[in-house]
Amino acid sequence: MSVCQIASVLAAPVSTVSGHLLELKRGRLVTEQRRGKWVYYQLADADPVTALLDPVLASIQDDPQIRKDAVAAAGLRGTSPAALCACADLTEGKAI
């Protein structure tokens, strides 16, 4: 997902999400892929990362907020990052 897509799901400012993703990238928990001017992130696919994250993700999978965020994320995957980033409410951390 792009930073704007993630920010929209979390109802958080793009700058905050970007900063957190930078820290996760430094910790090698996520990887990034640049496509033009957009940066997309995904969980790293390395054995040490998987060994660390799998138990955490399994323990939160039934959390209502996690489920709500997963549904929102699924709905935004086809949405243009440009459309999301252009939304003024997104920069204030408000859900679209």
PDB file of N, CA and C in Angstrom:
ATOM      1  N   MET A   1       0.843  -1.179   0.000  1.00  0.00           N
ATOM      2  CA  MET A   1       0.000   0.000   0.000  1.00  0.00           C
ATOM      3  C   MET A   1       0.885   1.237   0.000  1.00  0.00           C
ATOM      4  N   SER A   2       0.360   2.318  -0.522  1.00  0.00           N
ATOM      5  CA  SER A   2       1.102   3.575  -0.507  1.00  0.00           C
ATOM      6  C   SER A   2       0.950   4.230   0.866  1.00  0.00           C
ATOM      7  N   VAL A   3       1.786   5.211   1.128  1.00  0.00           N
ATOM      8  CA  VAL A   3       1.707   5.944   2.390  1.00  0.00           C
ATOM      9  C   VAL A   3       0.332   6.587   2.532  1.00  0.00           C
ATOM     10  N   CYS A   4      -0.182   7.158   1.453  1.00  0.00           N
ATOM     11  CA  CYS A   4      -1.492   7.807   1.516  1.00  0.00           C
ATOM     12  C   CYS A   4      -2.606   6.811   1.794  1.00  0.00           C
ATOM     13  N   GLN A   5      -2.508   5.625   1.219  1.00  0.00           N
ATOM     14  CA  GLN A   5      -3.506   4.594   1.491  1.00  0.00           C
ATOM     15  C   GLN A   5      -3.450   4.172   2.962  1.00  0.00           C
ATOM     16  N   ILE A   6      -2.260   3.958   3.465  1.00  0.00           N
ATOM     17  CA  ILE A   6      -2.101   3.562   4.868  1.00  0.00           C
ATOM     18  C   ILE A   6      -2.603   4.672   5.789  1.00  0.00           C
ATOM     19  N   ALA A   7      -2.265   5.919   5.480  1.00  0.00           N
ATOM     20  CA  ALA A   7      -2.705   7.051   6.296  1.00  0.00           C
ATOM     21  C   ALA A   7      -4.223   7.149   6.317  1.00  0.00           C
ATOM     22  N   SER A   8      -4.847   6.882   5.182  1.00  0.00           N
ATOM     23  CA  SER A   8      -6.298   6.928   5.119  1.00  0.00           C
ATOM     24  C   SER A   8      -6.927   5.847   5.997  1.00  0.00           C
ATOM     25  N   VAL A   9      -6.401   4.644   5.933  1.00  0.00           N
ATOM     26  CA  VAL A   9      -6.917   3.541   6.752  1.00  0.00           C
ATOM     27  C   VAL A   9      -6.785   3.867   8.236  1.00  0.00           C
ATOM     28  N   LEU A  10      -5.644   4.423   8.610  1.00  0.00           N
ATOM     29  CA  LEU A  10      -5.378   4.697  10.023  1.00  0.00           C
ATOM     30  C   LEU A  10      -5.932   6.039  10.495  1.00  0.00           C
ATOM     31  N   ALA A  11      -6.466   6.830   9.552  1.00  0.00           N
ATOM     32  CA  ALA A  11      -6.953   8.183   9.863  1.00  0.00           C
ATOM     33  C   ALA A  11      -5.857   8.977  10.576  1.00  0.00           C
ATOM     34  N   ALA A  12      -4.665   8.916   9.999  1.00  0.00           N
ATOM     35  CA  ALA A  12      -3.497   9.585  10.572  1.00  0.00           C
ATOM     36  C   ALA A  12      -2.864  10.479   9.511  1.00  0.00           C
ATOM     37  N   PRO A  13      -2.151  11.511   9.926  1.00  0.00           N
ATOM     38  CA  PRO A  13      -1.464  12.365   8.962  1.00  0.00           C
ATOM     39  C   PRO A  13      -0.425  11.581   8.159  1.00  0.00           C
ATOM     40  N   VAL A  14      -0.293  11.925   6.891  1.00  0.00           N
ATOM     41  CA  VAL A  14       0.676  11.267   6.023  1.00  0.00           C
ATOM     42  C   VAL A  14       2.080  11.376   6.609  1.00  0.00           C
ATOM     43  N   SER A  15       2.417  12.532   7.160  1.00  0.00           N
ATOM     44  CA  SER A  15       3.763  12.722   7.713  1.00  0.00           C
ATOM     45  C   SER A  15       4.036  11.764   8.869  1.00  0.00           C
ATOM     46  N   THR A  16       3.051  11.515   9.696  1.00  0.00           N
ATOM     47  CA  THR A  16       3.207  10.589  10.817  1.00  0.00           C
ATOM     48  C   THR A  16       3.409   9.163  10.306  1.00  0.00           C
ATOM     49  N   VAL A  17       2.567   8.755   9.377  1.00  0.00           N
ATOM     50  CA  VAL A  17       2.664   7.408   8.818  1.00  0.00           C
ATOM     51  C   VAL A  17       4.007   7.235   8.116  1.00  0.00           C
ATOM     52  N   SER A  18       4.417   8.230   7.364  1.00  0.00           N
ATOM     53  CA  SER A  18       5.693   8.169   6.656  1.00  0.00           C
ATOM     54  C   SER A  18       6.858   8.004   7.628  1.00  0.00           C
ATOM     55  N   GLY A  19       6.818   8.737   8.726  1.00  0.00           N
ATOM     56  CA  GLY A  19       7.869   8.623   9.733  1.00  0.00           C
ATOM     57  C   GLY A  19       7.920   7.244  10.372  1.00  0.00           C
ATOM     58  N   HIS A  20       6.749   6.702  10.680  1.00  0.00           N
ATOM     59  CA  HIS A  20       6.703   5.357  11.266  1.00  0.00           C
ATOM     60  C   HIS A  20       7.210   4.311  10.274  1.00  0.00           C
ATOM     61  N   LEU A  21       6.825   4.458   9.009  1.00  0.00           N
ATOM     62  CA  LEU A  21       7.289   3.514   7.994  1.00  0.00           C
ATOM     63  C   LEU A  21       8.796   3.596   7.804  1.00  0.00           C
ATOM     64  N   LEU A  22       9.344   4.788   7.899  1.00  0.00           N
ATOM     65  CA  LEU A  22      10.797   4.938   7.804  1.00  0.00           C
ATOM     66  C   LEU A  22      11.484   4.155   8.920  1.00  0.00           C
ATOM     67  N   GLU A  23      10.957   4.222  10.120  1.00  0.00           N
ATOM     68  CA  GLU A  23      11.537   3.471  11.241  1.00  0.00           C
ATOM     69  C   GLU A  23      11.391   1.962  11.025  1.00  0.00           C
ATOM     70  N   LEU A  24      10.242   1.542  10.523  1.00  0.00           N
ATOM     71  CA  LEU A  24      10.053   0.112  10.238  1.00  0.00           C
ATOM     72  C   LEU A  24      10.991  -0.360   9.134  1.00  0.00           C
ATOM     73  N   LYS A  25      11.238   0.518   8.163  1.00  0.00           N
ATOM     74  CA  LYS A  25      12.190   0.185   7.091  1.00  0.00           C
ATOM     75  C   LYS A  25      13.600   0.070   7.655  1.00  0.00           C
ATOM     76  N   ARG A  26      13.976   0.997   8.514  1.00  0.00           N
ATOM     77  CA  ARG A  26      15.303   0.932   9.151  1.00  0.00           C
ATOM     78  C   ARG A  26      15.467  -0.356   9.943  1.00  0.00           C
ATOM     79  N   GLY A  27      14.369  -0.815  10.552  1.00  0.00           N
ATOM     80  CA  GLY A  27      14.394  -2.063  11.315  1.00  0.00           C
ATOM     81  C   GLY A  27      14.235  -3.298  10.442  1.00  0.00           C
ATOM     82  N   ARG A  28      14.141  -3.084   9.144  1.00  0.00           N
ATOM     83  CA  ARG A  28      14.006  -4.158   8.153  1.00  0.00           C
ATOM     84  C   ARG A  28      12.725  -4.986   8.329  1.00  0.00           C
ATOM     85  N   LEU A  29      11.682  -4.337   8.865  1.00  0.00           N
ATOM     86  CA  LEU A  29      10.401  -5.015   9.009  1.00  0.00           C
ATOM     87  C   LEU A  29       9.507  -4.793   7.794  1.00  0.00           C
ATOM     88  N   VAL A  30       9.752  -3.711   7.065  1.00  0.00           N
ATOM     89  CA  VAL A  30       9.022  -3.454   5.827  1.00  0.00           C
ATOM     90  C   VAL A  30      10.015  -3.131   4.719  1.00  0.00           C
ATOM     91  N   THR A  31       9.563  -3.331   3.496  1.00  0.00           N
ATOM     92  CA  THR A  31      10.348  -2.940   2.326  1.00  0.00           C
ATOM     93  C   THR A  31       9.538  -1.915   1.558  1.00  0.00           C
ATOM     94  N   GLU A  32      10.242  -1.136   0.747  1.00  0.00           N
ATOM     95  CA  GLU A  32       9.540  -0.150  -0.057  1.00  0.00           C
ATOM     96  C   GLU A  32       9.839  -0.382  -1.530  1.00  0.00           C
ATOM     97  N   GLN A  33       8.893   0.026  -2.340  1.00  0.00           N
ATOM     98  CA  GLN A  33       9.069  -0.049  -3.788  1.00  0.00           C
ATOM     99  C   GLN A  33       8.573   1.273  -4.358  1.00  0.00           C
ATOM    100  N   ARG A  34       9.429   1.929  -5.118  1.00  0.00           N
ATOM    101  CA  ARG A  34       9.044   3.196  -5.734  1.00  0.00           C
ATOM    102  C   ARG A  34       8.442   2.932  -7.102  1.00  0.00           C
ATOM    103  N   ARG A  35       7.300   3.573  -7.335  1.00  0.00           N
ATOM    104  CA  ARG A  35       6.632   3.515  -8.643  1.00  0.00           C
ATOM    105  C   ARG A  35       6.329   4.950  -9.033  1.00  0.00           C
ATOM    106  N   GLY A  36       7.198   5.509  -9.852  1.00  0.00           N
ATOM    107  CA  GLY A  36       7.053   6.919 -10.190  1.00  0.00           C
ATOM    108  C   GLY A  36       7.298   7.757  -8.951  1.00  0.00           C
ATOM    109  N   LYS A  37       6.361   8.654  -8.631  1.00  0.00           N
ATOM    110  CA  LYS A  37       6.546   9.481  -7.439  1.00  0.00           C
ATOM    111  C   LYS A  37       5.955   8.855  -6.182  1.00  0.00           C
ATOM    112  N   TRP A  38       5.357   7.675  -6.316  1.00  0.00           N
ATOM    113  CA  TRP A  38       4.724   7.017  -5.177  1.00  0.00           C
ATOM    114  C   TRP A  38       5.632   5.943  -4.592  1.00  0.00           C
ATOM    115  N   VAL A  39       5.539   5.788  -3.289  1.00  0.00           N
ATOM    116  CA  VAL A  39       6.294   4.757  -2.583  1.00  0.00           C
ATOM    117  C   VAL A  39       5.283   3.801  -1.960  1.00  0.00           C
ATOM    118  N   TYR A  40       5.456   2.518  -2.237  1.00  0.00           N
ATOM    119  CA  TYR A  40       4.579   1.480  -1.708  1.00  0.00           C
ATOM    120  C   TYR A  40       5.358   0.633  -0.713  1.00  0.00           C
ATOM    121  N   TYR A  41       4.687   0.242   0.362  1.00  0.00           N
ATOM    122  CA  TYR A  41       5.322  -0.538   1.423  1.00  0.00           C
ATOM    123  C   TYR A  41       4.644  -1.884   1.568  1.00  0.00           C
ATOM    124  N   GLN A  42       5.439  -2.857   1.981  1.00  0.00           N
ATOM    125  CA  GLN A  42       4.897  -4.176   2.322  1.00  0.00           C
ATOM    126  C   GLN A  42       5.758  -4.783   3.413  1.00  0.00           C
ATOM    127  N   LEU A  43       5.192  -5.754   4.112  1.00  0.00           N
ATOM    128  CA  LEU A  43       5.974  -6.447   5.132  1.00  0.00           C
ATOM    129  C   LEU A  43       7.147  -7.151   4.466  1.00  0.00           C
ATOM    130  N   ALA A  44       8.291  -7.119   5.126  1.00  0.00           N
ATOM    131  CA  ALA A  44       9.475  -7.790   4.597  1.00  0.00           C
ATOM    132  C   ALA A  44       9.235  -9.292   4.570  1.00  0.00           C
ATOM    133  N   ASP A  45       9.809  -9.941   3.585  1.00  0.00           N
ATOM    134  CA  ASP A  45       9.630 -11.382   3.428  1.00  0.00           C
ATOM    135  C   ASP A  45      10.944 -12.098   3.725  1.00  0.00           C
ATOM    136  N   ALA A  46      11.413 -11.953   4.935  1.00  0.00           N
ATOM    137  CA  ALA A  46      12.655 -12.595   5.360  1.00  0.00           C
ATOM    138  C   ALA A  46      12.352 -13.458   6.579  1.00  0.00           C
ATOM    139  N   ASP A  47      13.040 -14.562   6.707  1.00  0.00           N
ATOM    140  CA  ASP A  47      12.776 -15.496   7.802  1.00  0.00           C
ATOM    141  C   ASP A  47      12.823 -14.847   9.184  1.00  0.00           C
ATOM    142  N   PRO A  48      13.826 -14.016   9.500  1.00  0.00           N
ATOM    143  CA  PRO A  48      13.828 -13.401  10.838  1.00  0.00           C
ATOM    144  C   PRO A  48      12.631 -12.479  11.060  1.00  0.00           C
ATOM    145  N   VAL A  49      12.231 -11.769  10.023  1.00  0.00           N
ATOM    146  CA  VAL A  49      11.084 -10.870  10.146  1.00  0.00           C
ATOM    147  C   VAL A  49       9.811 -11.678  10.324  1.00  0.00           C
ATOM    148  N   THR A  50       9.653 -12.707   9.521  1.00  0.00           N
ATOM    149  CA  THR A  50       8.478 -13.567   9.623  1.00  0.00           C
ATOM    150  C   THR A  50       8.397 -14.211  11.000  1.00  0.00           C
ATOM    151  N   ALA A  51       9.521 -14.683  11.504  1.00  0.00           N
ATOM    152  CA  ALA A  51       9.541 -15.311  12.830  1.00  0.00           C
ATOM    153  C   ALA A  51       9.133 -14.318  13.914  1.00  0.00           C
ATOM    154  N   LEU A  52       9.472 -13.058  13.725  1.00  0.00           N
ATOM    155  CA  LEU A  52       9.123 -12.023  14.704  1.00  0.00           C
ATOM    156  C   LEU A  52       7.660 -11.595  14.576  1.00  0.00           C
ATOM    157  N   LEU A  53       7.218 -11.370  13.345  1.00  0.00           N
ATOM    158  CA  LEU A  53       5.894 -10.799  13.139  1.00  0.00           C
ATOM    159  C   LEU A  53       4.750 -11.798  13.175  1.00  0.00           C
ATOM    160  N   ASP A  54       4.966 -13.026  12.750  1.00  0.00           N
ATOM    161  CA  ASP A  54       3.867 -13.999  12.697  1.00  0.00           C
ATOM    162  C   ASP A  54       3.142 -14.165  14.033  1.00  0.00           C
ATOM    163  N   PRO A  55       3.840 -14.337  15.143  1.00  0.00           N
ATOM    164  CA  PRO A  55       3.112 -14.470  16.420  1.00  0.00           C
ATOM    165  C   PRO A  55       2.363 -13.194  16.809  1.00  0.00           C
ATOM    166  N   VAL A  56       2.947 -12.052  16.499  1.00  0.00           N
ATOM    167  CA  VAL A  56       2.285 -10.780  16.820  1.00  0.00           C
ATOM    168  C   VAL A  56       1.013 -10.636  15.997  1.00  0.00           C
ATOM    169  N   LEU A  57       1.128 -10.854  14.696  1.00  0.00           N
ATOM    170  CA  LEU A  57      -0.037 -10.725  13.820  1.00  0.00           C
ATOM    171  C   LEU A  57      -1.118 -11.743  14.176  1.00  0.00           C
ATOM    172  N   ALA A  58      -0.720 -12.945  14.526  1.00  0.00           N
ATOM    173  CA  ALA A  58      -1.691 -13.968  14.923  1.00  0.00           C
ATOM    174  C   ALA A  58      -2.433 -13.565  16.198  1.00  0.00           C
ATOM    175  N   SER A  59      -1.734 -12.912  17.111  1.00  0.00           N
ATOM    176  CA  SER A  59      -2.359 -12.554  18.387  1.00  0.00           C
ATOM    177  C   SER A  59      -3.339 -11.392  18.265  1.00  0.00           C
ATOM    178  N   ILE A  60      -3.240 -10.598  17.194  1.00  0.00           N
ATOM    179  CA  ILE A  60      -4.141  -9.456  17.051  1.00  0.00           C
ATOM    180  C   ILE A  60      -5.182  -9.630  15.953  1.00  0.00           C
ATOM    181  N   GLN A  61      -5.170 -10.756  15.275  1.00  0.00           N
ATOM    182  CA  GLN A  61      -6.062 -10.926  14.125  1.00  0.00           C
ATOM    183  C   GLN A  61      -7.546 -10.832  14.472  1.00  0.00           C
ATOM    184  N   ASP A  62      -7.930 -11.125  15.688  1.00  0.00           N
ATOM    185  CA  ASP A  62      -9.334 -11.060  16.076  1.00  0.00           C
ATOM    186  C   ASP A  62      -9.730  -9.731  16.714  1.00  0.00           C
ATOM    187  N   ASP A  63      -8.794  -8.809  16.821  1.00  0.00           N
ATOM    188  CA  ASP A  63      -9.094  -7.501  17.392  1.00  0.00           C
ATOM    189  C   ASP A  63     -10.066  -6.752  16.467  1.00  0.00           C
ATOM    190  N   PRO A  64     -11.141  -6.182  17.019  1.00  0.00           N
ATOM    191  CA  PRO A  64     -12.126  -5.490  16.176  1.00  0.00           C
ATOM    192  C   PRO A  64     -11.537  -4.341  15.344  1.00  0.00           C
ATOM    193  N   GLN A  65     -10.627  -3.589  15.919  1.00  0.00           N
ATOM    194  CA  GLN A  65     -10.030  -2.471  15.167  1.00  0.00           C
ATOM    195  C   GLN A  65      -9.157  -2.986  14.025  1.00  0.00           C
ATOM    196  N   ILE A  66      -8.437  -4.063  14.266  1.00  0.00           N
ATOM    197  CA  ILE A  66      -7.606  -4.656  13.218  1.00  0.00           C
ATOM    198  C   ILE A  66      -8.492  -5.134  12.070  1.00  0.00           C
ATOM    199  N   ARG A  67      -9.603  -5.771  12.404  1.00  0.00           N
ATOM    200  CA  ARG A  67     -10.533  -6.241  11.362  1.00  0.00           C
ATOM    201  C   ARG A  67     -11.113  -5.058  10.579  1.00  0.00           C
ATOM    202  N   LYS A  68     -11.482  -4.001  11.296  1.00  0.00           N
ATOM    203  CA  LYS A  68     -12.028  -2.804  10.647  1.00  0.00           C
ATOM    204  C   LYS A  68     -10.987  -2.194   9.710  1.00  0.00           C
ATOM    205  N   ASP A  69      -9.747  -2.088  10.169  1.00  0.00           N
ATOM    206  CA  ASP A  69      -8.678  -1.544   9.339  1.00  0.00           C
ATOM    207  C   ASP A  69      -8.406  -2.419   8.121  1.00  0.00           C
ATOM    208  N   ALA A  70      -8.501  -3.741   8.280  1.00  0.00           N
ATOM    209  CA  ALA A  70      -8.274  -4.657   7.162  1.00  0.00           C
ATOM    210  C   ALA A  70      -9.341  -4.475   6.083  1.00  0.00           C
ATOM    211  N   VAL A  71     -10.574  -4.287   6.505  1.00  0.00           N
ATOM    212  CA  VAL A  71     -11.655  -4.047   5.549  1.00  0.00           C
ATOM    213  C   VAL A  71     -11.423  -2.720   4.825  1.00  0.00           C
ATOM    214  N   ALA A  72     -11.060  -1.690   5.575  1.00  0.00           N
ATOM    215  CA  ALA A  72     -10.791  -0.382   4.961  1.00  0.00           C
ATOM    216  C   ALA A  72      -9.620  -0.475   3.992  1.00  0.00           C
ATOM    217  N   ALA A  73      -8.584  -1.195   4.368  1.00  0.00           N
ATOM    218  CA  ALA A  73      -7.407  -1.354   3.504  1.00  0.00           C
ATOM    219  C   ALA A  73      -7.775  -2.075   2.221  1.00  0.00           C
ATOM    220  N   ALA A  74      -8.567  -3.119   2.327  1.00  0.00           N
ATOM    221  CA  ALA A  74      -8.982  -3.863   1.138  1.00  0.00           C
ATOM    222  C   ALA A  74      -9.761  -2.967   0.188  1.00  0.00           C
ATOM    223  N   GLY A  75     -10.574  -2.090   0.734  1.00  0.00           N
ATOM    224  CA  GLY A  75     -11.359  -1.179  -0.088  1.00  0.00           C
ATOM    225  C   GLY A  75     -10.543  -0.101  -0.768  1.00  0.00           C
ATOM    226  N   LEU A  76      -9.384   0.211  -0.221  1.00  0.00           N
ATOM    227  CA  LEU A  76      -8.548   1.283  -0.780  1.00  0.00           C
ATOM    228  C   LEU A  76      -7.472   0.793  -1.721  1.00  0.00           C
ATOM    229  N   ARG A  77      -7.241  -0.475  -1.797  1.00  0.00           N
ATOM    230  CA  ARG A  77      -6.145  -0.984  -2.624  1.00  0.00           C
ATOM    231  C   ARG A  77      -6.241  -0.556  -4.080  1.00  0.00           C
ATOM    232  N   GLY A  78      -7.412  -0.376  -4.602  1.00  0.00           N
ATOM    233  CA  GLY A  78      -7.546   0.050  -5.989  1.00  0.00           C
ATOM    234  C   GLY A  78      -7.655   1.558  -6.155  1.00  0.00           C
ATOM    235  N   THR A  79      -7.637   2.293  -5.044  1.00  0.00           N
ATOM    236  CA  THR A  79      -7.777   3.738  -5.091  1.00  0.00           C
ATOM    237  C   THR A  79      -6.436   4.383  -5.395  1.00  0.00           C
ATOM    238  N   SER A  80      -6.469   5.357  -6.247  1.00  0.00           N
ATOM    239  CA  SER A  80      -5.257   6.073  -6.633  1.00  0.00           C
ATOM    240  C   SER A  80      -4.645   6.800  -5.437  1.00  0.00           C
ATOM    241  N   PRO A  81      -3.329   6.640  -5.205  1.00  0.00           N
ATOM    242  CA  PRO A  81      -2.676   7.407  -4.149  1.00  0.00           C
ATOM    243  C   PRO A  81      -2.816   8.906  -4.369  1.00  0.00           C
ATOM    244  N   ALA A  82      -2.836   9.331  -5.629  1.00  0.00           N
ATOM    245  CA  ALA A  82      -2.964  10.756  -5.927  1.00  0.00           C
ATOM    246  C   ALA A  82      -4.286  11.302  -5.402  1.00  0.00           C
ATOM    247  N   ALA A  83      -5.354  10.539  -5.574  1.00  0.00           N
ATOM    248  CA  ALA A  83      -6.662  10.977  -5.083  1.00  0.00           C
ATOM    249  C   ALA A  83      -6.679  11.065  -3.566  1.00  0.00           C
ATOM    250  N   LEU A  84      -6.050  10.107  -2.907  1.00  0.00           N
ATOM    251  CA  LEU A  84      -6.021  10.120  -1.443  1.00  0.00           C
ATOM    252  C   LEU A  84      -5.137  11.237  -0.905  1.00  0.00           C
ATOM    253  N   CYS A  85      -3.980  11.417  -1.525  1.00  0.00           N
ATOM    254  CA  CYS A  85      -3.054  12.450  -1.049  1.00  0.00           C
ATOM    255  C   CYS A  85      -3.579  13.856  -1.317  1.00  0.00           C
ATOM    256  N   ALA A  86      -4.450  13.995  -2.288  1.00  0.00           N
ATOM    257  CA  ALA A  86      -5.016  15.302  -2.601  1.00  0.00           C
ATOM    258  C   ALA A  86      -6.092  15.716  -1.604  1.00  0.00           C
ATOM    259  N   CYS A  87      -6.558  14.763  -0.829  1.00  0.00           N
ATOM    260  CA  CYS A  87      -7.632  15.039   0.125  1.00  0.00           C
ATOM    261  C   CYS A  87      -7.096  15.841   1.305  1.00  0.00           C
ATOM    262  N   ALA A  88      -7.634  17.005   1.534  1.00  0.00           N
ATOM    263  CA  ALA A  88      -7.154  17.875   2.618  1.00  0.00           C
ATOM    264  C   ALA A  88      -7.359  17.251   3.985  1.00  0.00           C
ATOM    265  N   ASP A  89      -8.454  16.511   4.191  1.00  0.00           N
ATOM    266  CA  ASP A  89      -8.731  15.908   5.487  1.00  0.00           C
ATOM    267  C   ASP A  89      -7.666  14.881   5.864  1.00  0.00           C
ATOM    268  N   LEU A  90      -7.060  14.220   4.881  1.00  0.00           N
ATOM    269  CA  LEU A  90      -6.063  13.201   5.149  1.00  0.00           C
ATOM    270  C   LEU A  90      -4.849  13.786   5.865  1.00  0.00           C
ATOM    271  N   THR A  91      -4.443  14.981   5.498  1.00  0.00           N
ATOM    272  CA  THR A  91      -3.268  15.574   6.119  1.00  0.00           C
ATOM    273  C   THR A  91      -3.535  15.961   7.571  1.00  0.00           C
ATOM    274  N   GLU A  92      -4.805  16.075   7.930  1.00  0.00           N
ATOM    275  CA  GLU A  92      -5.158  16.390   9.309  1.00  0.00           C
ATOM    276  C   GLU A  92      -5.435  15.147  10.135  1.00  0.00           C
ATOM    277  N   GLY A  93      -5.306  13.973   9.506  1.00  0.00           N
ATOM    278  CA  GLY A  93      -5.528  12.729  10.236  1.00  0.00           C
ATOM    279  C   GLY A  93      -6.985  12.365  10.391  1.00  0.00           C
ATOM    280  N   LYS A  94      -7.826  12.817   9.468  1.00  0.00           N
ATOM    281  CA  LYS A  94      -9.242  12.490   9.516  1.00  0.00           C
ATOM    282  C   LYS A  94      -9.544  11.448   8.456  1.00  0.00           C
ATOM    283  N   ALA A  95     -10.432  10.521   8.783  1.00  0.00           N
ATOM    284  CA  ALA A  95     -10.794   9.486   7.816  1.00  0.00           C
ATOM    285  C   ALA A  95     -11.518  10.106   6.643  1.00  0.00           C
ATOM    286  N   ILE A  96     -11.327   9.493   5.485  1.00  0.00           N
ATOM    287  CA  ILE A  96     -11.990   9.977   4.267  1.00  0.00           C
ATOM    288  C   ILE A  96     -13.380   9.396   4.196  1.00  0.00           C
TER     289      ILE A  96
END
